[in-house]
Amino acid sequence: MRLSKRETILLCLFLIISMVFVYYKFSYKPSQNHMNSLLQENILLKDLIEKGKKAESSMNIREKNTVLKVGEKLLREIPTRAGVPETIAYLENTCRDTKVTLLSVNGKIANNKINSEENEKKQGVELEKIRVLDYNISIQGSYNNLLVFLLKLENSSRLYTINNCKMTVNAKKFDEVELNEDAAPNKEDDTVVSNPQNITSDAKGSKSYDGNNIMLDLIISAYYDEESIPDINIGADDVLPASGKTNPFL
């Protein structure tokens, strides 16, 4: 079927209009909306900068020091880098102070827990720069000392969250002297024969466990923000590598 000249012209016009509509709908209009939102955000940021400059110029030295102290506190809670060596050094020092033994520490970068369903609901809030590190820690010591360790961890200057805490009590090791206390003499040849029933009855309940030999398995999370705070630098607590070595975590 051959189209007439008029039908060919109308079909070409329809195709041109369709292409213009598709370009406007799926390219031009979204880009314009994005540009308008960026312009609005830029205006808001400029306004915040101007307000910040005015507030800074009107603050006295005491108020500036107060703001800096608050910023330093926040930077200690959520630093600008992972600080894995600092975390391990803190755990070692805390274990030494609380007289418990640090058996192992394993860390990994976790999926960004901040950017989950809550962030999808609050699309206007940008939290992509918050990173999470999970640490699996195994510690051994007495019950009271482990409680003191947990208390120090809760009161740490850096923000840590305890995701899982498990204590395992190890069984006591009975030596030969303790076992022979329950031994009974044989009437025929006066030889000593241990009585397994007495050993079992004496080792029942809490007596069979060593309260000074408890395993504590922890899973904690540490946070860091890749965006630094101007004019604030926390470097006094940094753990520097040995001479001639570079720190791979910096």
C-alpha atoms as a PDB file:
ATOM      1  CA  MET A   1       0.000   0.000   0.000  1.00  0.00           C
ATOM      2  CA  ARG A   2       1.454   3.287  -1.112  1.00  0.00           C
ATOM      3  CA  LEU A   3       0.926   6.396   1.019  1.00  0.00           C
ATOM      4  CA  SER A   4      -0.173   9.614  -0.528  1.00  0.00           C
ATOM      5  CA  LYS A   5       1.912  12.757  -0.317  1.00  0.00           C
ATOM      6  CA  ARG A   6      -0.381  14.213   2.327  1.00  0.00           C
ATOM      7  CA  GLU A   7      -0.262  11.060   4.465  1.00  0.00           C
ATOM      8  CA  THR A   8       3.554  10.961   4.217  1.00  0.00           C
ATOM      9  CA  ILE A   9       3.792  14.559   5.442  1.00  0.00           C
ATOM     10  CA  LEU A  10       1.416  13.891   8.341  1.00  0.00           C
ATOM     11  CA  LEU A  11       3.344  10.746   9.323  1.00  0.00           C
ATOM     12  CA  CYS A  12       6.636  12.666   9.326  1.00  0.00           C
ATOM     13  CA  LEU A  13       5.107  15.407  11.449  1.00  0.00           C
ATOM     14  CA  PHE A  14       3.792  12.804  13.887  1.00  0.00           C
ATOM     15  CA  LEU A  15       7.237  11.197  14.193  1.00  0.00           C
ATOM     16  CA  ILE A  16       8.892  14.579  14.757  1.00  0.00           C
ATOM     17  CA  ILE A  17       6.342  15.531  17.426  1.00  0.00           C
ATOM     18  CA  SER A  18       6.760  12.151  19.100  1.00  0.00           C
ATOM     19  CA  MET A  19      10.542  12.541  19.234  1.00  0.00           C
ATOM     20  CA  VAL A  20      10.200  16.044  20.673  1.00  0.00           C
ATOM     21  CA  PHE A  21       7.744  14.781  23.301  1.00  0.00           C
ATOM     22  CA  VAL A  22       9.989  11.878  24.292  1.00  0.00           C
ATOM     23  CA  TYR A  23      13.034  14.187  24.572  1.00  0.00           C
ATOM     24  CA  TYR A  24      11.072  16.698  26.653  1.00  0.00           C
ATOM     25  CA  LYS A  25       9.502  14.035  28.897  1.00  0.00           C
ATOM     26  CA  PHE A  26      12.515  11.836  29.617  1.00  0.00           C
ATOM     27  CA  SER A  27      15.532  14.120  29.152  1.00  0.00           C
ATOM     28  CA  TYR A  28      14.847  17.852  29.199  1.00  0.00           C
ATOM     29  CA  LYS A  29      12.275  17.992  32.009  1.00  0.00           C
ATOM     30  CA  PRO A  30      14.203  15.714  34.477  1.00  0.00           C
ATOM     31  CA  SER A  31      17.406  17.646  33.863  1.00  0.00           C
ATOM     32  CA  GLN A  32      15.595  20.929  34.430  1.00  0.00           C
ATOM     33  CA  ASN A  33      14.069  19.643  37.668  1.00  0.00           C
ATOM     34  CA  HIS A  34      17.477  18.458  38.839  1.00  0.00           C
ATOM     35  CA  MET A  35      19.056  21.798  37.950  1.00  0.00           C
ATOM     36  CA  ASN A  36      16.319  23.698  39.786  1.00  0.00           C
ATOM     37  CA  SER A  37      16.805  21.557  42.894  1.00  0.00           C
ATOM     38  CA  LEU A  38      20.566  22.197  42.729  1.00  0.00           C
ATOM     39  CA  LEU A  39      19.951  25.922  42.426  1.00  0.00           C
ATOM     40  CA  GLN A  40      17.646  25.858  45.451  1.00  0.00           C
ATOM     41  CA  GLU A  41      20.208  23.850  47.416  1.00  0.00           C
ATOM     42  CA  ASN A  42      22.956  26.266  46.375  1.00  0.00           C
ATOM     43  CA  ILE A  43      20.887  29.226  47.554  1.00  0.00           C
ATOM     44  CA  LEU A  44      20.262  27.480  50.881  1.00  0.00           C
ATOM     45  CA  LEU A  45      23.957  26.691  51.332  1.00  0.00           C
ATOM     46  CA  LYS A  46      24.950  30.275  50.549  1.00  0.00           C
ATOM     47  CA  ASP A  47      22.426  31.483  53.110  1.00  0.00           C
ATOM     48  CA  LEU A  48      23.826  29.073  55.702  1.00  0.00           C
ATOM     49  CA  ILE A  49      27.379  30.213  54.942  1.00  0.00           C
ATOM     50  CA  GLU A  50      26.401  33.852  55.376  1.00  0.00           C
ATOM     51  CA  LYS A  51      24.631  33.073  58.646  1.00  0.00           C
ATOM     52  CA  GLY A  52      27.647  31.106  59.818  1.00  0.00           C
ATOM     53  CA  LYS A  53      30.006  33.973  59.025  1.00  0.00           C
ATOM     54  CA  LYS A  54      27.762  36.444  60.836  1.00  0.00           C
ATOM     55  CA  ALA A  55      27.467  34.152  63.828  1.00  0.00           C
ATOM     56  CA  GLU A  56      31.231  33.596  63.913  1.00  0.00           C
ATOM     57  CA  SER A  57      31.956  37.307  63.742  1.00  0.00           C
ATOM     58  CA  SER A  58      29.510  37.999  66.564  1.00  0.00           C
ATOM     59  CA  MET A  59      30.871  35.246  68.856  1.00  0.00           C
ATOM     60  CA  ASN A  60      33.396  36.003  71.533  1.00  0.00           C
ATOM     61  CA  ILE A  61      36.416  33.841  72.361  1.00  0.00           C
ATOM     62  CA  ARG A  62      34.569  31.840  75.026  1.00  0.00           C
ATOM     63  CA  GLU A  63      31.738  30.944  72.631  1.00  0.00           C
ATOM     64  CA  LYS A  64      34.218  29.955  69.920  1.00  0.00           C
ATOM     65  CA  ASN A  65      36.061  27.696  72.352  1.00  0.00           C
ATOM     66  CA  THR A  66      32.755  26.109  73.361  1.00  0.00           C
ATOM     67  CA  VAL A  67      31.908  25.356  69.725  1.00  0.00           C
ATOM     68  CA  LEU A  68      35.374  23.899  69.155  1.00  0.00           C
ATOM     69  CA  LYS A  69      35.046  21.664  72.218  1.00  0.00           C
ATOM     70  CA  VAL A  70      31.686  20.372  71.000  1.00  0.00           C
ATOM     71  CA  GLY A  71      33.197  19.724  67.571  1.00  0.00           C
ATOM     72  CA  GLU A  72      36.142  17.875  69.101  1.00  0.00           C
ATOM     73  CA  LYS A  73      33.769  15.722  71.167  1.00  0.00           C
ATOM     74  CA  LEU A  74      31.762  14.824  68.066  1.00  0.00           C
ATOM     75  CA  LEU A  75      34.942  14.120  66.111  1.00  0.00           C
ATOM     76  CA  ARG A  76      36.130  11.756  68.833  1.00  0.00           C
ATOM     77  CA  GLU A  77      32.809   9.930  68.805  1.00  0.00           C
ATOM     78  CA  ILE A  78      32.702   9.628  64.995  1.00  0.00           C
ATOM     79  CA  PRO A  79      36.162  10.371  63.519  1.00  0.00           C
ATOM     80  CA  THR A  80      36.912  11.164  59.892  1.00  0.00           C
ATOM     81  CA  ARG A  81      38.717   7.869  59.229  1.00  0.00           C
ATOM     82  CA  ALA A  82      38.411   4.244  60.248  1.00  0.00           C
ATOM     83  CA  GLY A  83      41.171   4.331  62.886  1.00  0.00           C
ATOM     84  CA  VAL A  84      41.580   0.552  63.028  1.00  0.00           C
ATOM     85  CA  PRO A  85      45.011   0.690  64.755  1.00  0.00           C
ATOM     86  CA  GLU A  86      43.631   3.152  67.311  1.00  0.00           C
ATOM     87  CA  THR A  87      40.690   0.849  68.051  1.00  0.00           C
ATOM     88  CA  ILE A  88      42.956  -2.173  68.525  1.00  0.00           C
ATOM     89  CA  ALA A  89      45.303  -0.160  70.748  1.00  0.00           C
ATOM     90  CA  TYR A  90      42.316   1.045  72.804  1.00  0.00           C
ATOM     91  CA  LEU A  91      41.083  -2.541  73.253  1.00  0.00           C
ATOM     92  CA  GLU A  92      44.541  -3.735  74.292  1.00  0.00           C
ATOM     93  CA  ASN A  93      44.962  -0.914  76.814  1.00  0.00           C
ATOM     94  CA  THR A  94      41.473  -1.446  78.224  1.00  0.00           C
ATOM     95  CA  CYS A  95      42.092  -5.181  78.604  1.00  0.00           C
ATOM     96  CA  ARG A  96      45.360  -4.466  80.400  1.00  0.00           C
ATOM     97  CA  ASP A  97      43.696  -1.966  82.731  1.00  0.00           C
ATOM     98  CA  THR A  98      40.827  -4.327  83.573  1.00  0.00           C
ATOM     99  CA  LYS A  99      43.139  -7.372  83.921  1.00  0.00           C
ATOM    100  CA  VAL A 100      41.527  -9.466  81.204  1.00  0.00           C
ATOM    101  CA  THR A 101      43.165 -11.165  78.227  1.00  0.00           C
ATOM    102  CA  LEU A 102      42.455 -10.094  74.651  1.00  0.00           C
ATOM    103  CA  LEU A 103      42.499 -13.291  72.590  1.00  0.00           C
ATOM    104  CA  SER A 104      41.537 -12.084  69.112  1.00  0.00           C
ATOM    105  CA  VAL A 105      40.179  -9.099  67.181  1.00  0.00           C
ATOM    106  CA  ASN A 106      38.735  -9.368  63.687  1.00  0.00           C
ATOM    107  CA  GLY A 107      37.369  -6.338  61.886  1.00  0.00           C
ATOM    108  CA  LYS A 108      35.524  -5.823  58.638  1.00  0.00           C
ATOM    109  CA  ILE A 109      33.774  -2.972  56.871  1.00  0.00           C
ATOM    110  CA  ALA A 110      30.058  -3.630  57.191  1.00  0.00           C
ATOM    111  CA  ASN A 111      27.309  -2.715  54.790  1.00  0.00           C
ATOM    112  CA  ASN A 112      26.204   0.828  55.414  1.00  0.00           C
ATOM    113  CA  LYS A 113      23.572   0.248  58.100  1.00  0.00           C
ATOM    114  CA  ILE A 114      22.723   3.943  58.171  1.00  0.00           C
ATOM    115  CA  ASN A 115      21.560   3.876  54.554  1.00  0.00           C
ATOM    116  CA  SER A 116      18.783   1.336  54.961  1.00  0.00           C
ATOM    117  CA  GLU A 117      15.012   1.597  54.913  1.00  0.00           C
ATOM    118  CA  GLU A 118      15.075   4.611  57.217  1.00  0.00           C
ATOM    119  CA  ASN A 119      17.242   6.545  54.765  1.00  0.00           C
ATOM    120  CA  GLU A 120      14.935   5.582  51.895  1.00  0.00           C
ATOM    121  CA  LYS A 121      12.032   7.130  53.795  1.00  0.00           C
ATOM    122  CA  LYS A 122      14.074  10.290  54.483  1.00  0.00           C
ATOM    123  CA  GLN A 123      15.432  10.966  51.012  1.00  0.00           C
ATOM    124  CA  GLY A 124      16.186  14.575  51.892  1.00  0.00           C
ATOM    125  CA  VAL A 125      18.835  13.550  54.438  1.00  0.00           C
ATOM    126  CA  GLU A 126      22.233  12.578  53.011  1.00  0.00           C
ATOM    127  CA  LEU A 127      23.986   9.977  55.160  1.00  0.00           C
ATOM    128  CA  GLU A 128      26.051   8.158  52.517  1.00  0.00           C
ATOM    129  CA  LYS A 129      29.351   9.238  54.054  1.00  0.00           C
ATOM    130  CA  ILE A 130      28.790   7.442  57.355  1.00  0.00           C
ATOM    131  CA  ARG A 131      30.729   4.155  57.368  1.00  0.00           C
ATOM    132  CA  VAL A 132      30.457   1.222  59.768  1.00  0.00           C
ATOM    133  CA  LEU A 133      33.158  -1.197  60.947  1.00  0.00           C
ATOM    134  CA  ASP A 134      32.236  -4.414  62.746  1.00  0.00           C
ATOM    135  CA  TYR A 135      34.690  -6.024  65.177  1.00  0.00           C
ATOM    136  CA  ASN A 136      34.530  -9.609  66.458  1.00  0.00           C
ATOM    137  CA  ILE A 137      36.363  -9.679  69.796  1.00  0.00           C
ATOM    138  CA  SER A 138      37.219 -12.592  72.094  1.00  0.00           C
ATOM    139  CA  ILE A 139      38.287 -11.853  75.688  1.00  0.00           C
ATOM    140  CA  GLN A 140      39.035 -14.094  78.651  1.00  0.00           C
ATOM    141  CA  GLY A 141      38.952 -13.242  82.356  1.00  0.00           C
ATOM    142  CA  SER A 142      36.905 -13.227  85.526  1.00  0.00           C
ATOM    143  CA  TYR A 143      33.260 -12.170  85.583  1.00  0.00           C
ATOM    144  CA  ASN A 144      33.764  -8.912  87.490  1.00  0.00           C
ATOM    145  CA  ASN A 145      36.713  -7.859  85.336  1.00  0.00           C
ATOM    146  CA  LEU A 146      34.727  -8.525  82.170  1.00  0.00           C
ATOM    147  CA  LEU A 147      31.915  -6.332  83.489  1.00  0.00           C
ATOM    148  CA  VAL A 148      34.420  -3.543  84.145  1.00  0.00           C
ATOM    149  CA  PHE A 149      35.718  -3.942  80.574  1.00  0.00           C
ATOM    150  CA  LEU A 150      32.170  -3.593  79.178  1.00  0.00           C
ATOM    151  CA  LEU A 151      31.597  -0.520  81.342  1.00  0.00           C
ATOM    152  CA  LYS A 152      34.764   1.122  80.016  1.00  0.00           C
ATOM    153  CA  LEU A 153      33.706   0.273  76.456  1.00  0.00           C
ATOM    154  CA  GLU A 154      30.318   1.912  77.010  1.00  0.00           C
ATOM    155  CA  ASN A 155      31.989   5.058  78.390  1.00  0.00           C
ATOM    156  CA  SER A 156      34.591   5.281  75.630  1.00  0.00           C
ATOM    157  CA  SER A 157      35.191   8.652  74.003  1.00  0.00           C
ATOM    158  CA  ARG A 158      34.534   7.015  70.614  1.00  0.00           C
ATOM    159  CA  LEU A 159      31.055   5.769  69.797  1.00  0.00           C
ATOM    160  CA  TYR A 160      30.778   1.977  69.924  1.00  0.00           C
ATOM    161  CA  THR A 161      27.587  -0.061  69.790  1.00  0.00           C
ATOM    162  CA  ILE A 162      27.470  -3.596  71.192  1.00  0.00           C
ATOM    163  CA  ASN A 163      25.523  -5.775  68.755  1.00  0.00           C
ATOM    164  CA  ASN A 164      26.085  -9.144  70.427  1.00  0.00           C
ATOM    165  CA  CYS A 165      27.511 -10.253  73.779  1.00  0.00           C
ATOM    166  CA  LYS A 166      28.027 -13.884  74.792  1.00  0.00           C
ATOM    167  CA  MET A 167      29.744 -15.318  77.869  1.00  0.00           C
ATOM    168  CA  THR A 168      30.920 -18.927  78.053  1.00  0.00           C
ATOM    169  CA  VAL A 169      32.120 -20.504  81.310  1.00  0.00           C
ATOM    170  CA  ASN A 170      34.877 -23.102  81.024  1.00  0.00           C
ATOM    171  CA  ALA A 171      34.838 -26.247  83.135  1.00  0.00           C
ATOM    172  CA  LYS A 172      37.317 -26.626  85.977  1.00  0.00           C
ATOM    173  CA  LYS A 173      40.383 -28.791  85.521  1.00  0.00           C
ATOM    174  CA  PHE A 174      40.547 -31.260  88.434  1.00  0.00           C
ATOM    175  CA  ASP A 175      44.097 -32.369  89.169  1.00  0.00           C
ATOM    176  CA  GLU A 176      45.153 -35.669  90.708  1.00  0.00           C
ATOM    177  CA  VAL A 177      45.219 -34.286  94.268  1.00  0.00           C
ATOM    178  CA  GLU A 178      41.600 -33.177  94.050  1.00  0.00           C
ATOM    179  CA  LEU A 179      40.569 -36.506  92.578  1.00  0.00           C
ATOM    180  CA  ASN A 180      42.383 -38.510  95.271  1.00  0.00           C
ATOM    181  CA  GLU A 181      40.435 -36.700  97.976  1.00  0.00           C
ATOM    182  CA  ASP A 182      37.411 -38.735  96.912  1.00  0.00           C
ATOM    183  CA  ALA A 183      39.386 -41.987  96.695  1.00  0.00           C
ATOM    184  CA  ALA A 184      38.480 -44.943  98.977  1.00  0.00           C
ATOM    185  CA  PRO A 185      40.832 -47.753 100.201  1.00  0.00           C
ATOM    186  CA  ASN A 186      40.267 -51.334  99.055  1.00  0.00           C
ATOM    187  CA  LYS A 187      39.700 -53.613 102.047  1.00  0.00           C
ATOM    188  CA  GLU A 188      41.420 -56.635 100.422  1.00  0.00           C
ATOM    189  CA  ASP A 189      44.802 -55.199  99.445  1.00  0.00           C
ATOM    190  CA  ASP A 190      44.628 -51.696 100.997  1.00  0.00           C
ATOM    191  CA  THR A 191      45.097 -50.099  97.536  1.00  0.00           C
ATOM    192  CA  VAL A 192      43.485 -46.726  96.793  1.00  0.00           C
ATOM    193  CA  VAL A 193      40.677 -46.787  94.256  1.00  0.00           C
ATOM    194  CA  SER A 194      38.979 -43.617  93.155  1.00  0.00           C
ATOM    195  CA  ASN A 195      35.224 -43.404  93.517  1.00  0.00           C
ATOM    196  CA  PRO A 196      33.747 -41.921  90.316  1.00  0.00           C
ATOM    197  CA  GLN A 197      30.373 -41.412  91.990  1.00  0.00           C
ATOM    198  CA  ASN A 198      31.868 -39.037  94.595  1.00  0.00           C
ATOM    199  CA  ILE A 199      33.765 -37.122  91.908  1.00  0.00           C
ATOM    200  CA  THR A 200      30.623 -36.703  89.868  1.00  0.00           C
ATOM    201  CA  SER A 201      28.528 -35.573  92.818  1.00  0.00           C
ATOM    202  CA  ASP A 202      31.138 -33.032  93.970  1.00  0.00           C
ATOM    203  CA  ALA A 203      31.492 -31.601  90.459  1.00  0.00           C
ATOM    204  CA  LYS A 204      27.805 -30.877  90.004  1.00  0.00           C
ATOM    205  CA  GLY A 205      26.425 -27.383  89.398  1.00  0.00           C
ATOM    206  CA  SER A 206      28.575 -24.273  89.749  1.00  0.00           C
ATOM    207  CA  LYS A 207      31.413 -26.234  91.368  1.00  0.00           C
ATOM    208  CA  SER A 208      32.278 -27.763  88.009  1.00  0.00           C
ATOM    209  CA  TYR A 209      32.852 -24.354  86.391  1.00  0.00           C
ATOM    210  CA  ASP A 210      35.693 -21.896  86.801  1.00  0.00           C
ATOM    211  CA  GLY A 211      34.353 -18.405  87.546  1.00  0.00           C
ATOM    212  CA  ASN A 212      37.762 -16.878  86.838  1.00  0.00           C
ATOM    213  CA  ASN A 213      37.983 -18.399  83.366  1.00  0.00           C
ATOM    214  CA  ILE A 214      35.102 -16.925  81.343  1.00  0.00           C
ATOM    215  CA  MET A 215      35.150 -16.375  77.584  1.00  0.00           C
ATOM    216  CA  LEU A 216      33.489 -13.177  76.350  1.00  0.00           C
ATOM    217  CA  ASP A 217      32.618 -12.943  72.649  1.00  0.00           C
ATOM    218  CA  LEU A 218      31.623  -9.480  71.468  1.00  0.00           C
ATOM    219  CA  ILE A 219      30.449  -8.015  68.192  1.00  0.00           C
ATOM    220  CA  ILE A 220      30.743  -4.231  68.265  1.00  0.00           C
ATOM    221  CA  SER A 221      30.381  -1.524  65.618  1.00  0.00           C
ATOM    222  CA  ALA A 222      32.458   1.629  65.210  1.00  0.00           C
ATOM    223  CA  TYR A 223      31.540   4.541  62.967  1.00  0.00           C
ATOM    224  CA  TYR A 224      33.479   7.127  61.000  1.00  0.00           C
ATOM    225  CA  ASP A 225      32.555  10.049  58.762  1.00  0.00           C
ATOM    226  CA  GLU A 226      34.589  10.815  55.649  1.00  0.00           C
ATOM    227  CA  GLU A 227      33.761  14.519  55.851  1.00  0.00           C
ATOM    228  CA  SER A 228      36.083  16.424  58.179  1.00  0.00           C
ATOM    229  CA  ILE A 229      35.172  19.354  60.398  1.00  0.00           C
ATOM    230  CA  PRO A 230      37.068  22.583  59.520  1.00  0.00           C
ATOM    231  CA  ASP A 231      39.560  23.998  62.050  1.00  0.00           C
ATOM    232  CA  ILE A 232      39.312  20.874  64.224  1.00  0.00           C
ATOM    233  CA  ASN A 233      42.065  18.281  64.273  1.00  0.00           C
ATOM    234  CA  ILE A 234      42.203  15.331  66.650  1.00  0.00           C
ATOM    235  CA  GLY A 235      45.649  13.799  66.280  1.00  0.00           C
ATOM    236  CA  ALA A 236      46.938  13.334  69.788  1.00  0.00           C
ATOM    237  CA  ASP A 237      45.567   9.806  70.139  1.00  0.00           C
ATOM    238  CA  ASP A 238      46.732   8.560  66.739  1.00  0.00           C
ATOM    239  CA  VAL A 239      48.743   5.337  66.789  1.00  0.00           C
ATOM    240  CA  LEU A 240      51.795   5.866  64.623  1.00  0.00           C
ATOM    241  CA  PRO A 241      53.552   2.964  62.883  1.00  0.00           C
ATOM    242  CA  ALA A 242      57.055   1.891  63.849  1.00  0.00           C
ATOM    243  CA  SER A 243      60.028   3.639  62.304  1.00  0.00           C
ATOM    244  CA  GLY A 244      60.524   2.775  58.652  1.00  0.00           C
ATOM    245  CA  LYS A 245      56.949   1.483  58.198  1.00  0.00           C
ATOM    246  CA  THR A 246      53.846   3.111  56.791  1.00  0.00           C
ATOM    247  CA  ASN A 247      50.410   2.762  58.276  1.00  0.00           C
ATOM    248  CA  PRO A 248      48.191   1.020  55.664  1.00  0.00           C
ATOM    249  CA  PHE A 249      45.007   2.133  57.384  1.00  0.00           C
ATOM    250  CA  LEU A 250      45.587   5.886  56.968  1.00  0.00           C
END
